[in-house]
N, C-alpha and C. Protein backbone atom coordinates (compact mmCIF):
# COMPACT_ATOMS: atom_id res chain seq x y z
N MET A 1 26.43 97.82 115.34
CA MET A 1 26.57 97.18 113.85
C MET A 1 26.77 95.94 113.69
N THR A 2 26.24 95.26 112.42
CA THR A 2 26.08 94.07 112.06
C THR A 2 27.25 93.50 111.73
N GLU A 3 27.72 92.54 112.24
CA GLU A 3 29.24 91.89 112.00
C GLU A 3 28.95 91.32 110.35
N HIS A 4 29.78 91.67 109.78
CA HIS A 4 30.15 91.26 108.38
C HIS A 4 30.27 89.66 108.16
N LEU A 5 29.44 88.80 107.43
CA LEU A 5 29.72 87.51 107.53
C LEU A 5 30.62 87.24 106.22
N LEU A 6 30.44 87.86 105.16
CA LEU A 6 30.80 87.65 103.64
C LEU A 6 32.63 87.38 103.65
N PRO A 7 33.34 88.03 104.73
CA PRO A 7 34.78 87.52 104.70
C PRO A 7 35.07 86.53 105.26
N ARG A 8 34.07 86.31 106.53
CA ARG A 8 33.89 84.51 106.98
C ARG A 8 33.96 83.59 106.16
N ILE A 9 32.53 83.79 105.07
CA ILE A 9 32.35 83.21 104.40
C ILE A 9 33.01 82.56 103.19
N ALA A 10 34.08 83.69 102.73
CA ALA A 10 35.14 84.02 102.04
C ALA A 10 36.14 82.71 102.32
N ALA A 11 36.36 82.89 103.69
CA ALA A 11 37.40 81.79 104.21
C ALA A 11 36.68 80.46 104.51
N GLY A 12 35.64 80.15 103.95
CA GLY A 12 35.05 78.40 104.35
C GLY A 12 34.63 78.36 105.79
N ASP A 13 34.13 79.33 106.20
CA ASP A 13 33.52 79.41 107.84
C ASP A 13 32.08 78.74 107.50
N ALA A 14 31.57 77.29 107.95
CA ALA A 14 30.24 77.00 107.64
C ALA A 14 29.15 77.85 108.45
N ALA A 15 29.44 78.12 109.95
CA ALA A 15 28.86 78.86 110.44
C ALA A 15 27.96 80.23 109.88
N ALA A 16 29.15 80.95 109.29
CA ALA A 16 28.61 81.95 108.75
C ALA A 16 27.73 82.01 107.64
N VAL A 17 28.05 80.93 106.91
CA VAL A 17 26.97 80.47 105.78
C VAL A 17 25.70 80.54 106.24
N ASP A 18 25.56 79.43 107.37
CA ASP A 18 24.07 79.37 108.02
C ASP A 18 23.72 80.48 108.45
N GLN A 19 24.52 81.33 109.37
CA GLN A 19 24.07 83.00 109.76
C GLN A 19 23.56 83.83 108.72
N PHE A 20 24.39 83.87 107.44
CA PHE A 20 24.27 85.03 106.39
C PHE A 20 22.76 84.26 105.93
N LEU A 21 22.25 82.99 105.55
CA LEU A 21 21.19 82.31 105.41
C LEU A 21 20.11 83.11 106.02
N ARG A 22 20.20 82.91 107.43
CA ARG A 22 18.77 83.30 108.27
C ARG A 22 18.92 84.54 108.38
N ARG A 23 19.69 85.43 108.06
CA ARG A 23 19.63 87.19 108.07
C ARG A 23 19.17 87.59 106.71
N HIS A 24 19.53 86.54 105.47
CA HIS A 24 18.67 87.10 104.23
C HIS A 24 17.99 86.59 103.13
N SER A 25 17.84 85.12 103.93
CA SER A 25 17.24 84.22 102.76
C SER A 25 15.55 84.86 102.67
N SER A 26 14.79 85.47 103.34
CA SER A 26 13.85 85.96 103.39
C SER A 26 13.59 87.11 102.29
N MET A 27 14.97 87.97 102.36
CA MET A 27 14.76 89.22 101.67
C MET A 27 15.12 88.72 100.24
N VAL A 28 15.86 87.81 100.12
CA VAL A 28 16.25 87.47 98.73
C VAL A 28 15.24 86.69 98.12
N TRP A 29 14.36 85.59 98.75
CA TRP A 29 13.31 84.80 98.32
C TRP A 29 12.12 86.02 98.16
N GLY A 30 11.75 87.24 98.59
CA GLY A 30 10.85 87.94 97.99
C GLY A 30 11.35 88.64 96.66
N LEU A 31 12.20 89.10 96.54
CA LEU A 31 12.89 89.56 95.10
C LEU A 31 12.62 88.53 94.16
N ALA A 32 13.34 87.51 94.64
CA ALA A 32 13.03 86.20 93.40
C ALA A 32 11.58 86.13 93.34
N ARG A 33 10.35 85.96 93.90
CA ARG A 33 9.23 85.72 93.77
C ARG A 33 8.54 86.73 92.95
N ARG A 34 9.09 87.64 93.10
CA ARG A 34 8.62 88.95 92.22
C ARG A 34 8.72 88.63 90.68
N PHE A 35 9.99 87.77 90.70
CA PHE A 35 10.80 87.45 89.19
C PHE A 35 9.99 86.30 88.59
N CYS A 36 9.75 85.31 89.34
CA CYS A 36 9.13 84.25 89.13
C CYS A 36 8.03 83.66 88.82
N ARG A 37 7.78 83.24 88.10
CA ARG A 37 6.31 82.75 87.65
C ARG A 37 5.51 81.55 88.82
N SER A 38 6.47 81.08 89.27
CA SER A 38 6.06 79.87 90.63
C SER A 38 6.98 80.00 91.87
N ALA A 39 6.56 79.29 92.86
CA ALA A 39 7.19 79.28 94.19
C ALA A 39 8.42 78.17 93.58
N GLU A 40 8.19 77.26 93.35
CA GLU A 40 9.47 76.31 92.88
C GLU A 40 10.55 77.08 92.02
N ASP A 41 9.90 77.99 91.10
CA ASP A 41 11.01 78.48 90.39
C ASP A 41 11.98 79.68 91.42
N ALA A 42 10.92 80.38 92.22
CA ALA A 42 11.49 81.03 93.30
C ALA A 42 12.71 80.51 93.82
N GLU A 43 12.49 79.14 94.38
CA GLU A 43 13.32 78.47 95.32
C GLU A 43 14.88 78.12 94.47
N ASP A 44 14.48 77.91 93.38
CA ASP A 44 15.72 77.45 92.51
C ASP A 44 16.72 79.00 92.22
N ALA A 45 15.47 79.79 91.89
CA ALA A 45 16.45 81.02 91.96
C ALA A 45 17.09 81.34 92.99
N THR A 46 16.49 81.34 94.38
CA THR A 46 17.05 81.60 95.60
C THR A 46 18.63 80.84 95.70
N GLN A 47 18.60 79.91 95.37
CA GLN A 47 19.36 79.21 95.55
C GLN A 47 20.66 79.47 94.55
N GLU A 48 20.47 79.67 93.38
CA GLU A 48 21.40 80.00 92.30
C GLU A 48 22.01 81.20 92.93
N VAL A 49 21.01 82.28 93.54
CA VAL A 49 21.83 83.54 94.13
C VAL A 49 22.84 83.41 94.90
N PHE A 50 22.50 82.58 96.03
CA PHE A 50 22.95 81.98 97.08
C PHE A 50 24.49 81.45 97.01
N VAL A 51 24.21 80.41 95.72
CA VAL A 51 25.43 79.65 95.43
C VAL A 51 26.34 80.83 94.65
N GLU A 52 25.88 82.08 93.84
CA GLU A 52 26.57 82.79 93.36
C GLU A 52 27.27 83.82 94.33
N ILE A 53 26.26 84.25 95.46
CA ILE A 53 26.90 84.91 96.75
C ILE A 53 28.36 84.29 97.42
N TRP A 54 28.66 82.44 97.29
CA TRP A 54 29.70 81.78 98.22
C TRP A 54 30.55 82.04 97.20
N ARG A 55 30.63 81.71 95.84
CA ARG A 55 31.83 82.18 94.78
C ARG A 55 32.16 83.32 94.74
N SER A 56 31.76 84.41 95.29
CA SER A 56 31.57 86.07 95.08
C SER A 56 31.73 86.56 96.26
N ALA A 57 32.29 85.77 97.38
CA ALA A 57 32.51 86.64 98.62
C ALA A 57 33.32 87.07 98.92
N GLU A 58 34.53 87.07 98.57
CA GLU A 58 36.04 87.11 98.47
C GLU A 58 36.39 88.73 97.95
N ARG A 59 34.89 89.30 96.97
CA ARG A 59 34.74 90.43 96.47
C ARG A 59 34.65 91.26 97.21
N PHE A 60 33.67 90.99 98.28
CA PHE A 60 32.80 92.15 99.07
C PHE A 60 33.93 92.99 99.62
N ASP A 61 33.58 94.48 99.57
CA ASP A 61 34.24 95.46 100.24
C ASP A 61 33.33 96.51 100.99
N ALA A 62 33.34 96.20 102.06
CA ALA A 62 32.84 96.75 103.04
C ALA A 62 32.93 98.54 103.16
N SER A 63 34.04 98.92 102.23
CA SER A 63 34.18 100.46 102.18
C SER A 63 33.26 100.82 100.74
N GLN A 64 32.83 100.11 100.17
CA GLN A 64 32.18 100.22 98.81
C GLN A 64 30.62 100.07 99.17
N GLY A 65 29.96 99.55 100.32
CA GLY A 65 28.90 99.64 100.34
C GLY A 65 28.63 98.14 101.53
N SER A 66 27.29 98.08 102.03
CA SER A 66 26.57 97.01 103.11
C SER A 66 26.87 95.56 102.19
N GLU A 67 26.44 94.64 103.09
CA GLU A 67 26.54 93.14 102.27
C GLU A 67 25.12 93.03 101.77
N VAL A 68 24.59 93.81 102.12
CA VAL A 68 22.78 93.26 101.83
C VAL A 68 22.77 94.29 100.43
N THR A 69 23.76 95.43 100.40
CA THR A 69 23.67 96.09 98.82
C THR A 69 24.37 94.85 98.21
N PHE A 70 25.61 94.03 98.42
CA PHE A 70 26.34 93.50 97.45
C PHE A 70 25.43 92.46 97.08
N LEU A 71 24.66 91.81 98.22
CA LEU A 71 23.55 90.66 98.03
C LEU A 71 22.76 91.14 97.19
N MET A 72 22.23 92.11 97.03
CA MET A 72 20.84 92.12 96.40
C MET A 72 21.47 92.99 95.01
N THR A 73 22.61 93.57 94.70
CA THR A 73 22.97 93.83 93.17
C THR A 73 23.19 92.37 92.82
N ILE A 74 23.97 91.42 93.50
CA ILE A 74 24.03 89.91 92.70
C ILE A 74 22.57 89.34 92.35
N ALA A 75 21.98 89.19 93.18
CA ALA A 75 20.73 89.02 93.52
C ALA A 75 19.80 89.26 92.45
N ARG A 76 19.59 90.87 92.19
CA ARG A 76 19.14 91.22 91.08
C ARG A 76 19.20 91.04 89.71
N ARG A 77 20.94 90.82 89.34
CA ARG A 77 21.39 90.61 88.07
C ARG A 77 21.25 89.11 87.81
N ARG A 78 21.15 88.27 88.92
CA ARG A 78 21.02 86.73 88.57
C ARG A 78 19.72 86.66 88.11
N LEU A 79 18.92 87.44 89.00
CA LEU A 79 17.51 87.20 88.69
C LEU A 79 16.78 87.84 87.42
N ILE A 80 17.46 88.76 86.90
CA ILE A 80 17.36 89.57 85.69
C ILE A 80 18.07 88.52 84.34
N ASP A 81 19.01 87.98 84.49
CA ASP A 81 19.55 87.21 83.74
C ASP A 81 18.89 85.66 83.85
N ARG A 82 18.39 85.65 84.83
CA ARG A 82 17.37 84.06 84.78
C ARG A 82 16.24 84.36 83.94
N ALA A 83 15.71 85.58 84.05
CA ALA A 83 14.50 85.70 83.57
C ALA A 83 14.62 85.90 81.83
N ARG A 84 15.82 86.58 81.36
CA ARG A 84 16.13 86.51 80.08
C ARG A 84 16.47 85.22 79.58
N ARG A 85 17.09 84.68 80.36
CA ARG A 85 17.22 83.22 79.52
C ARG A 85 16.22 82.35 79.51
N GLN A 86 14.85 82.74 80.03
CA GLN A 86 13.71 81.79 80.04
C GLN A 86 12.70 82.51 79.10
N GLY A 87 13.15 83.76 78.67
CA GLY A 87 12.26 84.39 77.34
C GLY A 87 11.14 85.09 78.21
N ARG A 88 11.59 86.14 79.13
CA ARG A 88 10.52 86.55 79.44
C ARG A 88 10.84 87.57 80.85
N ARG A 89 10.21 88.94 80.52
CA ARG A 89 10.47 89.84 81.47
C ARG A 89 10.42 89.68 83.07
N PRO A 90 10.77 90.18 83.81
CA PRO A 90 10.65 89.88 85.17
C PRO A 90 9.32 90.42 85.35
N SER A 91 8.25 89.59 86.19
CA SER A 91 6.96 90.17 86.52
C SER A 91 7.09 91.80 87.77
N SER A 92 6.32 92.35 87.37
CA SER A 92 6.16 93.46 88.58
C SER A 92 4.96 93.35 89.43
N GLU A 93 4.46 92.30 89.53
CA GLU A 93 3.97 91.54 90.73
C GLU A 93 3.56 89.83 90.64
N LEU A 94 3.55 89.40 92.01
CA LEU A 94 3.43 88.23 91.95
C LEU A 94 2.48 87.42 91.42
N LEU A 95 2.57 86.43 90.56
CA LEU A 95 1.81 85.95 89.93
C LEU A 95 1.19 84.37 90.64
N ASP A 96 0.24 84.03 90.09
CA ASP A 96 -0.08 82.60 90.94
C ASP A 96 0.48 81.30 90.76
N ASP A 97 0.54 80.40 91.27
CA ASP A 97 1.25 79.52 91.03
C ASP A 97 -0.08 78.36 90.13
N ALA A 98 0.71 77.92 89.54
CA ALA A 98 0.04 77.13 88.52
C ALA A 98 -0.79 75.76 89.15
N GLY A 99 -1.65 75.98 88.90
CA GLY A 99 -2.51 74.48 90.00
C GLY A 99 -3.14 75.22 91.31
N THR A 100 -3.26 76.37 91.18
CA THR A 100 -3.65 76.89 92.72
C THR A 100 -5.02 77.46 92.23
N LEU A 101 -6.03 77.87 92.71
CA LEU A 101 -7.39 78.42 92.15
C LEU A 101 -6.82 79.95 92.82
N PRO A 102 -7.09 81.03 91.78
CA PRO A 102 -7.29 82.20 92.49
C PRO A 102 -7.77 82.66 93.53
N ALA A 103 -7.93 83.90 94.24
CA ALA A 103 -8.83 83.94 95.48
C ALA A 103 -9.82 85.08 94.60
N PRO A 104 -10.68 85.25 95.26
CA PRO A 104 -11.73 86.32 94.34
C PRO A 104 -10.90 87.74 94.15
N VAL A 105 -11.12 88.17 93.21
CA VAL A 105 -10.56 89.39 93.13
C VAL A 105 -10.83 90.68 93.98
N GLY A 106 -11.79 90.53 94.39
CA GLY A 106 -12.28 91.64 95.63
C GLY A 106 -11.42 91.61 97.00
N THR A 107 -11.27 90.29 97.11
CA THR A 107 -10.82 89.87 98.22
C THR A 107 -9.10 90.12 97.95
N ASP A 108 -8.27 89.94 97.08
CA ASP A 108 -7.17 90.08 97.05
C ASP A 108 -6.64 91.67 96.94
N ARG A 109 -7.71 92.66 96.17
CA ARG A 109 -7.58 94.01 96.15
C ARG A 109 -8.18 94.60 97.32
N ALA A 110 -8.66 94.04 98.03
CA ALA A 110 -9.13 94.54 99.77
C ALA A 110 -7.98 94.59 100.27
N GLU A 111 -7.34 93.48 100.47
CA GLU A 111 -6.28 93.18 101.08
C GLU A 111 -5.24 94.10 100.90
N LEU A 112 -5.00 93.81 99.57
CA LEU A 112 -3.34 94.79 98.86
C LEU A 112 -3.69 96.29 99.24
N HIS A 113 -5.18 96.29 99.43
CA HIS A 113 -5.03 97.89 99.61
C HIS A 113 -4.94 98.37 101.04
N ASP A 114 -5.17 97.58 101.86
CA ASP A 114 -4.96 97.32 103.43
C ASP A 114 -3.49 97.40 103.64
N GLU A 115 -2.85 96.53 103.05
CA GLU A 115 -1.34 96.48 103.25
C GLU A 115 -1.10 97.65 102.54
N VAL A 116 -1.35 98.47 101.57
CA VAL A 116 -0.58 99.29 100.98
C VAL A 116 -0.79 100.78 101.97
N GLN A 117 -1.90 100.67 102.46
CA GLN A 117 -2.29 101.86 103.42
C GLN A 117 -1.77 101.40 104.84
N ARG A 118 -1.41 100.19 105.34
CA ARG A 118 -0.32 99.92 106.45
C ARG A 118 1.12 100.44 106.19
N ALA A 119 1.50 100.37 105.14
CA ALA A 119 2.88 100.52 104.68
C ALA A 119 2.96 102.26 104.74
N LYS A 120 1.86 102.87 104.07
CA LYS A 120 1.97 104.17 103.83
C LYS A 120 1.95 104.85 105.27
N GLU A 121 1.49 104.32 106.21
CA GLU A 121 1.11 104.89 107.41
C GLU A 121 2.17 105.02 107.98
N ALA A 122 2.65 103.67 108.14
CA ALA A 122 4.22 103.58 108.79
C ALA A 122 5.19 104.16 108.07
N LEU A 123 5.23 104.51 106.60
CA LEU A 123 6.50 105.33 106.44
C LEU A 123 6.05 106.82 106.68
N ALA A 124 4.72 107.16 107.03
CA ALA A 124 4.55 108.88 107.03
C ALA A 124 5.09 108.82 108.85
N GLN A 125 5.19 107.47 109.57
CA GLN A 125 5.61 108.05 110.77
C GLN A 125 7.03 107.98 110.92
N LEU A 126 8.04 107.76 109.90
CA LEU A 126 9.29 108.01 109.94
C LEU A 126 9.94 109.39 110.10
N ARG A 127 11.02 109.70 110.28
CA ARG A 127 11.73 110.50 110.32
C ARG A 127 11.79 111.31 109.10
N PRO A 128 11.56 112.43 108.47
CA PRO A 128 11.65 113.04 107.03
C PRO A 128 13.03 112.48 106.45
N GLU A 129 14.34 112.49 107.06
CA GLU A 129 15.38 112.00 106.30
C GLU A 129 15.37 110.80 106.06
N GLN A 130 14.75 109.85 106.80
CA GLN A 130 14.41 108.29 106.74
C GLN A 130 13.88 108.21 105.65
N ARG A 131 12.56 108.89 105.65
CA ARG A 131 11.52 108.55 104.64
C ARG A 131 12.02 108.99 103.23
N GLU A 132 12.78 110.30 103.03
CA GLU A 132 13.48 110.32 101.62
C GLU A 132 14.55 109.41 101.19
N VAL A 133 15.43 109.04 102.34
CA VAL A 133 16.40 108.30 102.18
C VAL A 133 15.88 106.39 101.67
N LEU A 134 14.80 106.29 102.13
CA LEU A 134 14.11 105.18 101.76
C LEU A 134 13.51 105.21 100.42
N ASP A 135 12.87 106.26 100.12
CA ASP A 135 12.21 106.64 99.06
C ASP A 135 12.77 106.15 97.96
N LEU A 136 13.97 107.12 98.12
CA LEU A 136 15.20 106.83 96.81
C LEU A 136 15.62 105.62 96.36
N ALA A 137 15.74 104.61 97.92
CA ALA A 137 16.08 103.38 97.54
C ALA A 137 15.60 102.60 97.00
N LEU A 138 14.41 102.56 98.16
CA LEU A 138 13.46 101.41 97.53
C LEU A 138 12.42 101.74 96.45
N GLY A 139 12.08 103.07 96.54
CA GLY A 139 11.00 103.28 95.35
C GLY A 139 11.71 103.97 94.26
N GLN A 140 12.91 104.42 93.82
CA GLN A 140 13.55 104.33 92.75
C GLN A 140 14.59 103.78 92.83
N GLY A 141 15.26 102.49 93.30
CA GLY A 141 16.02 101.72 93.06
C GLY A 141 17.55 102.22 93.09
N ARG A 142 17.78 103.54 93.88
CA ARG A 142 18.99 104.04 93.83
C ARG A 142 19.69 103.72 94.69
N THR A 143 21.28 103.76 94.64
CA THR A 143 22.37 103.43 95.19
C THR A 143 22.50 104.14 96.62
N HIS A 144 23.02 103.75 97.30
CA HIS A 144 23.75 104.65 98.73
C HIS A 144 24.50 105.90 98.28
N GLN A 145 25.43 105.67 97.28
CA GLN A 145 25.93 106.33 96.63
C GLN A 145 25.58 107.59 95.79
N GLU A 146 24.34 106.98 95.22
CA GLU A 146 23.76 107.92 94.27
C GLU A 146 22.64 109.13 95.02
N ILE A 147 22.24 108.23 96.21
CA ILE A 147 21.44 109.16 96.98
C ILE A 147 22.56 110.37 98.04
N SER A 148 23.54 109.91 98.18
CA SER A 148 24.60 110.82 98.85
C SER A 148 24.58 111.80 97.76
N ALA A 149 25.02 111.45 96.77
CA ALA A 149 25.30 112.77 95.68
C ALA A 149 23.69 113.59 95.35
N ALA A 150 22.63 112.99 94.99
CA ALA A 150 21.34 113.41 95.15
C ALA A 150 21.16 114.49 96.00
N ILE A 151 20.91 114.06 97.28
CA ILE A 151 20.51 115.09 98.32
C ILE A 151 21.71 115.79 99.02
N GLY A 152 22.65 115.49 98.52
CA GLY A 152 24.55 116.56 99.33
C GLY A 152 24.42 116.07 100.84
N ILE A 153 24.27 114.60 101.56
CA ILE A 153 24.72 114.32 102.88
C ILE A 153 26.00 113.12 102.60
N PRO A 154 26.48 113.01 103.50
CA PRO A 154 27.62 111.65 103.70
C PRO A 154 27.02 110.42 103.34
N LEU A 155 27.93 109.82 102.64
CA LEU A 155 27.54 108.08 102.36
C LEU A 155 27.10 107.69 103.48
N GLY A 156 28.01 107.94 104.77
CA GLY A 156 27.54 107.36 105.68
C GLY A 156 26.09 107.50 106.48
N THR A 157 25.67 108.94 106.36
CA THR A 157 24.61 109.35 107.17
C THR A 157 23.55 108.50 106.22
N VAL A 158 23.52 108.56 104.76
CA VAL A 158 22.73 107.85 104.51
C VAL A 158 22.64 106.67 104.83
N LYS A 159 23.84 105.58 104.96
CA LYS A 159 23.48 104.17 105.27
C LYS A 159 23.08 104.19 106.70
N SER A 160 23.07 105.04 107.21
CA SER A 160 22.70 105.37 109.01
C SER A 160 20.95 105.74 108.83
N HIS A 161 20.60 106.51 107.78
CA HIS A 161 19.06 107.22 107.90
C HIS A 161 18.42 105.61 107.43
N ALA A 162 19.02 105.02 105.99
CA ALA A 162 18.04 103.60 105.82
C ALA A 162 18.03 102.41 106.60
N ARG A 163 19.39 102.43 107.33
CA ARG A 163 19.29 100.96 108.40
C ARG A 163 18.36 101.54 109.57
N ARG A 164 18.28 102.97 109.79
CA ARG A 164 17.54 103.28 111.26
C ARG A 164 15.84 103.23 110.49
N GLY A 165 15.42 103.97 109.23
CA GLY A 165 14.22 103.58 108.95
C GLY A 165 13.95 102.38 108.58
N LEU A 166 14.45 101.31 108.50
CA LEU A 166 13.92 100.01 108.18
C LEU A 166 13.85 99.28 109.30
N MET A 167 14.45 99.81 110.28
CA MET A 167 14.39 99.29 111.30
C MET A 167 12.98 99.33 112.13
N ARG A 168 12.96 100.74 112.16
CA ARG A 168 11.53 101.51 112.35
C ARG A 168 10.32 100.62 111.83
N LEU A 169 10.61 100.73 110.43
CA LEU A 169 9.45 100.30 109.80
C LEU A 169 9.11 98.80 109.71
N ARG A 170 9.83 98.05 110.38
CA ARG A 170 9.77 96.75 110.85
C ARG A 170 9.00 96.71 112.04
N GLU A 171 9.62 97.35 112.70
CA GLU A 171 8.95 97.59 114.39
C GLU A 171 7.39 98.30 113.92
N LEU A 172 7.10 98.94 113.45
CA LEU A 172 5.59 99.92 113.06
C LEU A 172 4.85 98.57 112.38
N LEU A 173 5.54 97.66 111.54
CA LEU A 173 4.69 96.91 110.78
C LEU A 173 4.76 95.39 111.42
N GLY A 174 5.64 95.25 112.60
CA GLY A 174 5.35 94.07 113.27
C GLY A 174 5.85 92.96 112.67
N VAL A 175 7.02 93.44 111.99
CA VAL A 175 7.79 92.49 110.91
C VAL A 175 9.32 92.03 112.07
N PRO A 176 9.70 90.66 112.40
CA PRO A 176 10.57 90.50 112.76
C PRO A 176 11.60 90.90 112.61
N GLU A 177 12.83 90.99 113.20
CA GLU A 177 14.17 91.49 112.18
C GLU A 177 14.57 90.34 112.16
N PRO A 178 15.79 90.26 110.77
CA PRO A 178 15.83 89.08 110.17
C PRO A 178 16.77 88.42 111.56
N GLY A 179 16.38 86.84 111.35
CA GLY A 179 17.40 85.85 112.25
C GLY A 179 16.28 85.63 113.71
N GLN A 180 15.29 86.59 113.68
CA GLN A 180 14.66 86.45 115.15
C GLN A 180 13.44 85.44 114.40
N GLU A 181 12.56 84.83 115.73
CA GLU A 181 11.69 84.12 115.22
C GLU A 181 10.37 84.44 114.14
N GLY A 182 10.22 83.68 113.34
CA GLY A 182 9.27 83.96 112.55
C GLY A 182 9.83 84.59 111.15
N GLY A 183 10.78 84.60 111.25
CA GLY A 183 11.74 85.20 110.17
C GLY A 183 12.02 83.64 109.26
N ARG A 184 12.38 84.28 107.62
CA ARG A 184 12.36 82.61 107.07
C ARG A 184 13.73 82.43 106.89
């Protein structure tokens, strides 16, 4: 089981802050990039999210959910608020940075198709219960509690299926675990 860092952050532990950033920055960056029009805006948004996490760290309750759930809930809310302040809706896809030349459309679609196909093949290799939990969480945006109620299994089992499924997907797709070489 992964050590909870938020209680240490709330206590002022600088090492925990660094560890938390290494563990989760790529996940927040990816979400911010979908909401923001440019990489610079996404960087600012990511920084805002982590500042809010530091301010809210003492509110984390492990019995209510994981650190990732806590983090992503705050991140999503902050990004939506930011998009509303800027008078636009969150983008459902990445937007090209201003000043960059777009790649030929055929190349982008081919690459996207290949990535989607790889993801589908990896998902198909998961155990059915892991695939179902990840589909509900990632595909439908449901919380662990909602998934537990929807499919009638204990909350801890939902969390285990999600964690094991994500670990297996990372392995199948060749994505390094957070904190490993190559992670953001």
